[in-house]
mmCIF file of all heavy atoms, coordinates in Angstrom:
data_MODEL
# 
_entry.id   MODEL 
# 
loop_
_atom_site.group_PDB 
_atom_site.id 
_atom_site.type_symbol 
_atom_site.label_atom_id 
_atom_site.label_alt_id 
_atom_site.label_comp_id 
_atom_site.label_asym_id 
_atom_site.label_entity_id 
_atom_site.label_seq_id 
_atom_site.pdbx_PDB_ins_code 
_atom_site.Cartn_x 
_atom_site.Cartn_y 
_atom_site.Cartn_z 
_atom_site.occupancy 
_atom_site.B_iso_or_equiv 
_atom_site.pdbx_formal_charge 
_atom_site.auth_seq_id 
_atom_site.auth_comp_id 
_atom_site.auth_asym_id 
_atom_site.auth_atom_id 
_atom_site.pdbx_PDB_model_num 
ATOM 1   N N   . CYS A 1 1  ? 39.233 44.983 -42.815 1.00 0.00 ? 1  CYS A N   1 
ATOM 2   C CA  . CYS A 1 1  ? 39.242 44.986 -41.348 1.00 0.00 ? 1  CYS A CA  1 
ATOM 3   C C   . CYS A 1 1  ? 37.889 45.434 -40.806 1.00 0.00 ? 1  CYS A C   1 
ATOM 4   O O   . CYS A 1 1  ? 37.416 44.905 -39.786 1.00 0.00 ? 1  CYS A O   1 
ATOM 5   C CB  . CYS A 1 1  ? 40.353 45.899 -40.846 1.00 0.00 ? 1  CYS A CB  1 
ATOM 6   S SG  . CYS A 1 1  ? 40.908 45.532 -39.168 1.00 0.00 ? 1  CYS A SG  1 
ATOM 7   N N   . ALA A 1 2  ? 37.243 46.384 -41.484 1.00 0.00 ? 2  ALA A N   1 
ATOM 8   C CA  . ALA A 1 2  ? 35.907 46.820 -41.074 1.00 0.00 ? 2  ALA A CA  1 
ATOM 9   C C   . ALA A 1 2  ? 34.916 45.665 -41.185 1.00 0.00 ? 2  ALA A C   1 
ATOM 10  O O   . ALA A 1 2  ? 34.052 45.488 -40.316 1.00 0.00 ? 2  ALA A O   1 
ATOM 11  C CB  . ALA A 1 2  ? 35.456 47.997 -41.927 1.00 0.00 ? 2  ALA A CB  1 
ATOM 12  N N   . GLY A 1 3  ? 35.031 44.886 -42.259 1.00 0.00 ? 3  GLY A N   1 
ATOM 13  C CA  . GLY A 1 3  ? 34.150 43.732 -42.415 1.00 0.00 ? 3  GLY A CA  1 
ATOM 14  C C   . GLY A 1 3  ? 34.477 42.617 -41.449 1.00 0.00 ? 3  GLY A C   1 
ATOM 15  O O   . GLY A 1 3  ? 33.584 42.014 -40.834 1.00 0.00 ? 3  GLY A O   1 
ATOM 16  N N   . ALA A 1 4  ? 35.768 42.348 -41.284 1.00 0.00 ? 4  ALA A N   1 
ATOM 17  C CA  . ALA A 1 4  ? 36.202 41.270 -40.392 1.00 0.00 ? 4  ALA A CA  1 
ATOM 18  C C   . ALA A 1 4  ? 35.844 41.556 -38.946 1.00 0.00 ? 4  ALA A C   1 
ATOM 19  O O   . ALA A 1 4  ? 35.702 40.624 -38.146 1.00 0.00 ? 4  ALA A O   1 
ATOM 20  C CB  . ALA A 1 4  ? 37.714 41.061 -40.525 1.00 0.00 ? 4  ALA A CB  1 
ATOM 21  N N   . ALA A 1 5  ? 35.686 42.831 -38.598 1.00 0.00 ? 5  ALA A N   1 
ATOM 22  C CA  . ALA A 1 5  ? 35.322 43.186 -37.230 1.00 0.00 ? 5  ALA A CA  1 
ATOM 23  C C   . ALA A 1 5  ? 33.884 42.807 -36.892 1.00 0.00 ? 5  ALA A C   1 
ATOM 24  O O   . ALA A 1 5  ? 33.473 42.910 -35.737 1.00 0.00 ? 5  ALA A O   1 
ATOM 25  C CB  . ALA A 1 5  ? 35.535 44.682 -37.001 1.00 0.00 ? 5  ALA A CB  1 
ATOM 26  N N   . LEU A 1 6  ? 33.115 42.378 -37.877 1.00 0.00 ? 6  LEU A N   1 
ATOM 27  C CA  . LEU A 1 6  ? 31.761 41.857 -37.623 1.00 0.00 ? 6  LEU A CA  1 
ATOM 28  C C   . LEU A 1 6  ? 31.754 40.340 -37.494 1.00 0.00 ? 6  LEU A C   1 
ATOM 29  O O   . LEU A 1 6  ? 30.805 39.770 -36.930 1.00 0.00 ? 6  LEU A O   1 
ATOM 30  C CB  . LEU A 1 6  ? 30.813 42.250 -38.766 1.00 0.00 ? 6  LEU A CB  1 
ATOM 31  C CG  . LEU A 1 6  ? 30.547 43.727 -39.004 1.00 0.00 ? 6  LEU A CG  1 
ATOM 32  C CD1 . LEU A 1 6  ? 29.593 43.891 -40.180 1.00 0.00 ? 6  LEU A CD1 1 
ATOM 33  C CD2 . LEU A 1 6  ? 29.968 44.377 -37.764 1.00 0.00 ? 6  LEU A CD2 1 
ATOM 34  N N   . ALA A 1 7  ? 32.784 39.686 -38.018 1.00 0.00 ? 7  ALA A N   1 
ATOM 35  C CA  . ALA A 1 7  ? 32.761 38.237 -38.173 1.00 0.00 ? 7  ALA A CA  1 
ATOM 36  C C   . ALA A 1 7  ? 32.665 37.429 -36.880 1.00 0.00 ? 7  ALA A C   1 
ATOM 37  O O   . ALA A 1 7  ? 32.030 36.373 -36.869 1.00 0.00 ? 7  ALA A O   1 
ATOM 38  C CB  . ALA A 1 7  ? 33.974 37.784 -38.991 1.00 0.00 ? 7  ALA A CB  1 
ATOM 39  N N   . PRO A 1 8  ? 33.273 37.838 -35.761 1.00 0.00 ? 8  PRO A N   1 
ATOM 40  C CA  . PRO A 1 8  ? 33.135 37.026 -34.549 1.00 0.00 ? 8  PRO A CA  1 
ATOM 41  C C   . PRO A 1 8  ? 31.694 36.819 -34.090 1.00 0.00 ? 8  PRO A C   1 
ATOM 42  O O   . PRO A 1 8  ? 31.399 35.845 -33.396 1.00 0.00 ? 8  PRO A O   1 
ATOM 43  C CB  . PRO A 1 8  ? 33.943 37.813 -33.504 1.00 0.00 ? 8  PRO A CB  1 
ATOM 44  C CG  . PRO A 1 8  ? 35.002 38.486 -34.315 1.00 0.00 ? 8  PRO A CG  1 
ATOM 45  C CD  . PRO A 1 8  ? 34.288 38.900 -35.567 1.00 0.00 ? 8  PRO A CD  1 
ATOM 46  N N   . ASP A 1 9  ? 30.773 37.702 -34.495 1.00 0.00 ? 9  ASP A N   1 
ATOM 47  C CA  . ASP A 1 9  ? 29.379 37.526 -34.124 1.00 0.00 ? 9  ASP A CA  1 
ATOM 48  C C   . ASP A 1 9  ? 28.663 36.493 -34.995 1.00 0.00 ? 9  ASP A C   1 
ATOM 49  O O   . ASP A 1 9  ? 27.428 36.420 -35.009 1.00 0.00 ? 9  ASP A O   1 
ATOM 50  C CB  . ASP A 1 9  ? 28.637 38.866 -34.180 1.00 0.00 ? 9  ASP A CB  1 
ATOM 51  C CG  . ASP A 1 9  ? 28.826 39.676 -32.903 1.00 0.00 ? 9  ASP A CG  1 
ATOM 52  O OD1 . ASP A 1 9  ? 29.246 39.089 -31.881 1.00 0.00 ? 9  ASP A OD1 1 
ATOM 53  O OD2 . ASP A 1 9  ? 28.574 40.892 -32.929 1.00 0.00 ? 9  ASP A OD2 1 
ATOM 54  N N   . LEU A 1 10 ? 29.453 35.687 -35.696 1.00 0.00 ? 10 LEU A N   1 
ATOM 55  C CA  . LEU A 1 10 ? 28.896 34.574 -36.445 1.00 0.00 ? 10 LEU A CA  1 
ATOM 56  C C   . LEU A 1 10 ? 28.250 33.549 -35.512 1.00 0.00 ? 10 LEU A C   1 
ATOM 57  O O   . LEU A 1 10 ? 27.581 32.629 -35.952 1.00 0.00 ? 10 LEU A O   1 
ATOM 58  C CB  . LEU A 1 10 ? 30.008 33.902 -37.265 1.00 0.00 ? 10 LEU A CB  1 
ATOM 59  C CG  . LEU A 1 10 ? 29.616 33.005 -38.433 1.00 0.00 ? 10 LEU A CG  1 
ATOM 60  C CD1 . LEU A 1 10 ? 28.740 33.744 -39.433 1.00 0.00 ? 10 LEU A CD1 1 
ATOM 61  C CD2 . LEU A 1 10 ? 30.859 32.479 -39.133 1.00 0.00 ? 10 LEU A CD2 1 
ATOM 62  N N   . ASP A 1 11 ? 28.452 33.708 -34.221 1.00 0.00 ? 11 ASP A N   1 
ATOM 63  C CA  . ASP A 1 11 ? 27.827 32.814 -33.240 1.00 0.00 ? 11 ASP A CA  1 
ATOM 64  C C   . ASP A 1 11 ? 26.515 33.380 -32.693 1.00 0.00 ? 11 ASP A C   1 
ATOM 65  O O   . ASP A 1 11 ? 25.957 32.860 -31.735 1.00 0.00 ? 11 ASP A O   1 
ATOM 66  C CB  . ASP A 1 11 ? 28.792 32.550 -32.080 1.00 0.00 ? 11 ASP A CB  1 
ATOM 67  C CG  . ASP A 1 11 ? 29.180 33.827 -31.333 1.00 0.00 ? 11 ASP A CG  1 
ATOM 68  O OD1 . ASP A 1 11 ? 28.655 34.918 -31.666 1.00 0.00 ? 11 ASP A OD1 1 
ATOM 69  O OD2 . ASP A 1 11 ? 30.022 33.744 -30.420 1.00 0.00 ? 11 ASP A OD2 1 
ATOM 70  N N   . HIS A 1 12 ? 26.029 34.473 -33.310 1.00 0.00 ? 12 HIS A N   1 
ATOM 71  C CA  . HIS A 1 12 ? 24.844 35.152 -32.795 1.00 0.00 ? 12 HIS A CA  1 
ATOM 72  C C   . HIS A 1 12 ? 23.798 35.260 -33.908 1.00 0.00 ? 12 HIS A C   1 
ATOM 73  O O   . HIS A 1 12 ? 24.020 35.934 -34.914 1.00 0.00 ? 12 HIS A O   1 
ATOM 74  C CB  . HIS A 1 12 ? 25.243 36.547 -32.300 1.00 0.00 ? 12 HIS A CB  1 
ATOM 75  C CG  . HIS A 1 12 ? 24.176 37.263 -31.539 1.00 0.00 ? 12 HIS A CG  1 
ATOM 76  N ND1 . HIS A 1 12 ? 22.913 36.770 -31.371 1.00 0.00 ? 12 HIS A ND1 1 
ATOM 77  C CD2 . HIS A 1 12 ? 24.191 38.462 -30.882 1.00 0.00 ? 12 HIS A CD2 1 
ATOM 78  C CE1 . HIS A 1 12 ? 22.189 37.613 -30.664 1.00 0.00 ? 12 HIS A CE1 1 
ATOM 79  N NE2 . HIS A 1 12 ? 22.955 38.649 -30.348 1.00 0.00 ? 12 HIS A NE2 1 
ATOM 80  N N   . LYS A 1 13 ? 22.651 34.644 -33.720 1.00 0.00 ? 13 LYS A N   1 
ATOM 81  C CA  . LYS A 1 13 ? 21.644 34.567 -34.781 1.00 0.00 ? 13 LYS A CA  1 
ATOM 82  C C   . LYS A 1 13 ? 20.988 35.908 -35.105 1.00 0.00 ? 13 LYS A C   1 
ATOM 83  O O   . LYS A 1 13 ? 20.345 36.041 -36.146 1.00 0.00 ? 13 LYS A O   1 
ATOM 84  C CB  . LYS A 1 13 ? 20.565 33.550 -34.390 1.00 0.00 ? 13 LYS A CB  1 
ATOM 85  C CG  . LYS A 1 13 ? 21.063 32.118 -34.381 1.00 0.00 ? 13 LYS A CG  1 
ATOM 86  C CD  . LYS A 1 13 ? 20.017 31.148 -33.892 1.00 0.00 ? 13 LYS A CD  1 
ATOM 87  C CE  . LYS A 1 13 ? 19.869 31.209 -32.384 1.00 0.00 ? 13 LYS A CE  1 
ATOM 88  N NZ  . LYS A 1 13 ? 18.977 30.140 -31.864 1.00 0.00 ? 13 LYS A NZ  1 
ATOM 89  N N   . SER A 1 14 ? 21.140 36.904 -34.230 1.00 0.00 ? 14 SER A N   1 
ATOM 90  C CA  . SER A 1 14 ? 20.531 38.210 -34.482 1.00 0.00 ? 14 SER A CA  1 
ATOM 91  C C   . SER A 1 14 ? 21.546 39.265 -34.913 1.00 0.00 ? 14 SER A C   1 
ATOM 92  O O   . SER A 1 14 ? 21.189 40.435 -35.071 1.00 0.00 ? 14 SER A O   1 
ATOM 93  C CB  . SER A 1 14 ? 19.804 38.692 -33.217 1.00 0.00 ? 14 SER A CB  1 
ATOM 94  O OG  . SER A 1 14 ? 18.774 37.803 -32.863 1.00 0.00 ? 14 SER A OG  1 
ATOM 95  N N   . ALA A 1 15 ? 22.796 38.871 -35.091 1.00 0.00 ? 15 ALA A N   1 
ATOM 96  C CA  . ALA A 1 15 ? 23.850 39.827 -35.431 1.00 0.00 ? 15 ALA A CA  1 
ATOM 97  C C   . ALA A 1 15 ? 23.762 40.263 -36.891 1.00 0.00 ? 15 ALA A C   1 
ATOM 98  O O   . ALA A 1 15 ? 23.109 39.620 -37.727 1.00 0.00 ? 15 ALA A O   1 
ATOM 99  C CB  . ALA A 1 15 ? 25.211 39.202 -35.151 1.00 0.00 ? 15 ALA A CB  1 
ATOM 100 N N   . THR A 1 16 ? 24.445 41.351 -37.200 1.00 0.00 ? 16 THR A N   1 
ATOM 101 C CA  . THR A 1 16 ? 24.461 41.874 -38.569 1.00 0.00 ? 16 THR A CA  1 
ATOM 102 C C   . THR A 1 16 ? 24.930 40.818 -39.560 1.00 0.00 ? 16 THR A C   1 
ATOM 103 O O   . THR A 1 16 ? 24.348 40.659 -40.642 1.00 0.00 ? 16 THR A O   1 
ATOM 104 C CB  . THR A 1 16 ? 25.380 43.110 -38.652 1.00 0.00 ? 16 THR A CB  1 
ATOM 105 O OG1 . THR A 1 16 ? 24.907 44.109 -37.756 1.00 0.00 ? 16 THR A OG1 1 
ATOM 106 C CG2 . THR A 1 16 ? 25.405 43.669 -40.064 1.00 0.00 ? 16 THR A CG2 1 
ATOM 107 N N   . ILE A 1 17 ? 25.963 40.063 -39.199 1.00 0.00 ? 17 ILE A N   1 
ATOM 108 C CA  . ILE A 1 17 ? 26.524 39.095 -40.125 1.00 0.00 ? 17 ILE A CA  1 
ATOM 109 C C   . ILE A 1 17 ? 25.537 37.978 -40.451 1.00 0.00 ? 17 ILE A C   1 
ATOM 110 O O   . ILE A 1 17 ? 25.582 37.388 -41.529 1.00 0.00 ? 17 ILE A O   1 
ATOM 111 C CB  . ILE A 1 17 ? 27.845 38.503 -39.578 1.00 0.00 ? 17 ILE A CB  1 
ATOM 112 C CG1 . ILE A 1 17 ? 28.560 37.703 -40.668 1.00 0.00 ? 17 ILE A CG1 1 
ATOM 113 C CG2 . ILE A 1 17 ? 27.612 37.685 -38.317 1.00 0.00 ? 17 ILE A CG2 1 
ATOM 114 C CD1 . ILE A 1 17 ? 29.945 37.263 -40.271 1.00 0.00 ? 17 ILE A CD1 1 
ATOM 115 N N   . SER A 1 18 ? 24.599 37.698 -39.547 1.00 0.00 ? 18 SER A N   1 
ATOM 116 C CA  . SER A 1 18 ? 23.631 36.628 -39.813 1.00 0.00 ? 18 SER A CA  1 
ATOM 117 C C   . SER A 1 18 ? 22.688 36.997 -40.946 1.00 0.00 ? 18 SER A C   1 
ATOM 118 O O   . SER A 1 18 ? 22.126 36.123 -41.608 1.00 0.00 ? 18 SER A O   1 
ATOM 119 C CB  . SER A 1 18 ? 22.830 36.312 -38.548 1.00 0.00 ? 18 SER A CB  1 
ATOM 120 O OG  . SER A 1 18 ? 21.907 37.346 -38.250 1.00 0.00 ? 18 SER A OG  1 
ATOM 121 N N   . ARG A 1 19 ? 22.512 38.302 -41.190 1.00 0.00 ? 19 ARG A N   1 
ATOM 122 C CA  . ARG A 1 19 ? 21.622 38.765 -42.258 1.00 0.00 ? 19 ARG A CA  1 
ATOM 123 C C   . ARG A 1 19 ? 22.369 39.075 -43.542 1.00 0.00 ? 19 ARG A C   1 
ATOM 124 O O   . ARG A 1 19 ? 21.744 39.296 -44.586 1.00 0.00 ? 19 ARG A O   1 
ATOM 125 C CB  . ARG A 1 19 ? 20.889 40.034 -41.805 1.00 0.00 ? 19 ARG A CB  1 
ATOM 126 C CG  . ARG A 1 19 ? 20.075 39.878 -40.533 1.00 0.00 ? 19 ARG A CG  1 
ATOM 127 C CD  . ARG A 1 19 ? 19.279 41.141 -40.238 1.00 0.00 ? 19 ARG A CD  1 
ATOM 128 N NE  . ARG A 1 19 ? 20.140 42.296 -40.037 1.00 0.00 ? 19 ARG A NE  1 
ATOM 129 C CZ  . ARG A 1 19 ? 20.615 42.660 -38.848 1.00 0.00 ? 19 ARG A CZ  1 
ATOM 130 N NH1 . ARG A 1 19 ? 20.319 41.955 -37.770 1.00 0.00 ? 19 ARG A NH1 1 
ATOM 131 N NH2 . ARG A 1 19 ? 21.399 43.726 -38.728 1.00 0.00 ? 19 ARG A NH2 1 
ATOM 132 N N   . ALA A 1 20 ? 23.681 39.136 -43.475 1.00 0.00 ? 20 ALA A N   1 
ATOM 133 C CA  . ALA A 1 20 ? 24.465 39.676 -44.592 1.00 0.00 ? 20 ALA A CA  1 
ATOM 134 C C   . ALA A 1 20 ? 24.371 38.851 -45.867 1.00 0.00 ? 20 ALA A C   1 
ATOM 135 O O   . ALA A 1 20 ? 24.402 39.407 -46.965 1.00 0.00 ? 20 ALA A O   1 
ATOM 136 C CB  . ALA A 1 20 ? 25.924 39.824 -44.179 1.00 0.00 ? 20 ALA A CB  1 
ATOM 137 N N   . PHE A 1 21 ? 24.275 37.547 -45.753 1.00 0.00 ? 21 PHE A N   1 
ATOM 138 C CA  . PHE A 1 21 ? 24.259 36.682 -46.939 1.00 0.00 ? 21 PHE A CA  1 
ATOM 139 C C   . PHE A 1 21 ? 23.011 35.805 -46.987 1.00 0.00 ? 21 PHE A C   1 
ATOM 140 O O   . PHE A 1 21 ? 23.049 34.683 -47.492 1.00 0.00 ? 21 PHE A O   1 
ATOM 141 C CB  . PHE A 1 21 ? 25.530 35.824 -46.979 1.00 0.00 ? 21 PHE A CB  1 
ATOM 142 C CG  . PHE A 1 21 ? 26.787 36.641 -47.038 1.00 0.00 ? 21 PHE A CG  1 
ATOM 143 C CD1 . PHE A 1 21 ? 27.501 36.918 -45.891 1.00 0.00 ? 21 PHE A CD1 1 
ATOM 144 C CD2 . PHE A 1 21 ? 27.235 37.161 -48.237 1.00 0.00 ? 21 PHE A CD2 1 
ATOM 145 C CE1 . PHE A 1 21 ? 28.652 37.688 -45.924 1.00 0.00 ? 21 PHE A CE1 1 
ATOM 146 C CE2 . PHE A 1 21 ? 28.387 37.935 -48.301 1.00 0.00 ? 21 PHE A CE2 1 
ATOM 147 C CZ  . PHE A 1 21 ? 29.098 38.204 -47.137 1.00 0.00 ? 21 PHE A CZ  1 
ATOM 148 N N   . GLY A 1 22 ? 21.920 36.331 -46.454 1.00 0.00 ? 22 GLY A N   1 
ATOM 149 C CA  . GLY A 1 22 ? 20.646 35.641 -46.541 1.00 0.00 ? 22 GLY A CA  1 
ATOM 150 C C   . GLY A 1 22 ? 20.626 34.296 -45.828 1.00 0.00 ? 22 GLY A C   1 
ATOM 151 O O   . GLY A 1 22 ? 21.224 34.141 -44.752 1.00 0.00 ? 22 GLY A O   1 
ATOM 152 N N   . PRO A 1 23 ? 19.955 33.303 -46.406 1.00 0.00 ? 23 PRO A N   1 
ATOM 153 C CA  . PRO A 1 23 ? 19.832 31.991 -45.762 1.00 0.00 ? 23 PRO A CA  1 
ATOM 154 C C   . PRO A 1 23 ? 21.181 31.312 -45.498 1.00 0.00 ? 23 PRO A C   1 
ATOM 155 O O   . PRO A 1 23 ? 21.305 30.544 -44.539 1.00 0.00 ? 23 PRO A O   1 
ATOM 156 C CB  . PRO A 1 23 ? 19.005 31.179 -46.772 1.00 0.00 ? 23 PRO A CB  1 
ATOM 157 C CG  . PRO A 1 23 ? 18.277 32.196 -47.585 1.00 0.00 ? 23 PRO A CG  1 
ATOM 158 C CD  . PRO A 1 23 ? 19.192 33.372 -47.672 1.00 0.00 ? 23 PRO A CD  1 
ATOM 159 N N   . VAL A 1 24 ? 22.177 31.611 -46.317 1.00 0.00 ? 24 VAL A N   1 
ATOM 160 C CA  . VAL A 1 24 ? 23.491 30.978 -46.135 1.00 0.00 ? 24 VAL A CA  1 
ATOM 161 C C   . VAL A 1 24 ? 24.108 31.406 -44.812 1.00 0.00 ? 24 VAL A C   1 
ATOM 162 O O   . VAL A 1 24 ? 24.578 30.577 -44.019 1.00 0.00 ? 24 VAL A O   1 
ATOM 163 C CB  . VAL A 1 24 ? 24.435 31.328 -47.311 1.00 0.00 ? 24 VAL A CB  1 
ATOM 164 C CG1 . VAL A 1 24 ? 25.839 30.801 -47.033 1.00 0.00 ? 24 VAL A CG1 1 
ATOM 165 C CG2 . VAL A 1 24 ? 23.901 30.756 -48.609 1.00 0.00 ? 24 VAL A CG2 1 
ATOM 166 N N   . SER A 1 25 ? 24.141 32.714 -44.555 1.00 0.00 ? 25 SER A N   1 
ATOM 167 C CA  . SER A 1 25 ? 24.749 33.188 -43.306 1.00 0.00 ? 25 SER A CA  1 
ATOM 168 C C   . SER A 1 25 ? 23.892 32.822 -42.099 1.00 0.00 ? 25 SER A C   1 
ATOM 169 O O   . SER A 1 25 ? 24.425 32.557 -41.013 1.00 0.00 ? 25 SER A O   1 
ATOM 170 C CB  . SER A 1 25 ? 24.989 34.699 -43.364 1.00 0.00 ? 25 SER A CB  1 
ATOM 171 O OG  . SER A 1 25 ? 23.820 35.402 -43.711 1.00 0.00 ? 25 SER A OG  1 
ATOM 172 N N   . LYS A 1 26 ? 22.570 32.783 -42.247 1.00 0.00 ? 26 LYS A N   1 
ATOM 173 C CA  . LYS A 1 26 ? 21.713 32.369 -41.133 1.00 0.00 ? 26 LYS A CA  1 
ATOM 174 C C   . LYS A 1 26 ? 22.000 30.924 -40.738 1.00 0.00 ? 26 LYS A C   1 
ATOM 175 O O   . LYS A 1 26 ? 22.108 30.593 -39.549 1.00 0.00 ? 26 LYS A O   1 
ATOM 176 C CB  . LYS A 1 26 ? 20.237 32.545 -41.502 1.00 0.00 ? 26 LYS A CB  1 
ATOM 177 C CG  . LYS A 1 26 ? 19.760 33.986 -41.495 1.00 0.00 ? 26 LYS A CG  1 
ATOM 178 C CD  . LYS A 1 26 ? 18.281 34.078 -41.750 1.00 0.00 ? 26 LYS A CD  1 
ATOM 179 C CE  . LYS A 1 26 ? 17.806 35.522 -41.730 1.00 0.00 ? 26 LYS A CE  1 
ATOM 180 N NZ  . LYS A 1 26 ? 17.958 36.141 -40.400 1.00 0.00 ? 26 LYS A NZ  1 
ATOM 181 N N   . ALA A 1 27 ? 22.121 30.060 -41.747 1.00 0.00 ? 27 ALA A N   1 
ATOM 182 C CA  . ALA A 1 27 ? 22.418 28.654 -41.467 1.00 0.00 ? 27 ALA A CA  1 
ATOM 183 C C   . ALA A 1 27 ? 23.806 28.505 -40.856 1.00 0.00 ? 27 ALA A C   1 
ATOM 184 O O   . ALA A 1 27 ? 24.005 27.716 -39.923 1.00 0.00 ? 27 ALA A O   1 
ATOM 185 C CB  . ALA A 1 27 ? 22.315 27.832 -42.755 1.00 0.00 ? 27 ALA A CB  1 
# 
């Protein structure tokens, strides 16, 4: 749940989740 609470920001290129998995999450 702590991890999933970051996931909605998958629509934001500067969010924590965008950096979490390197080029894959950025793309």
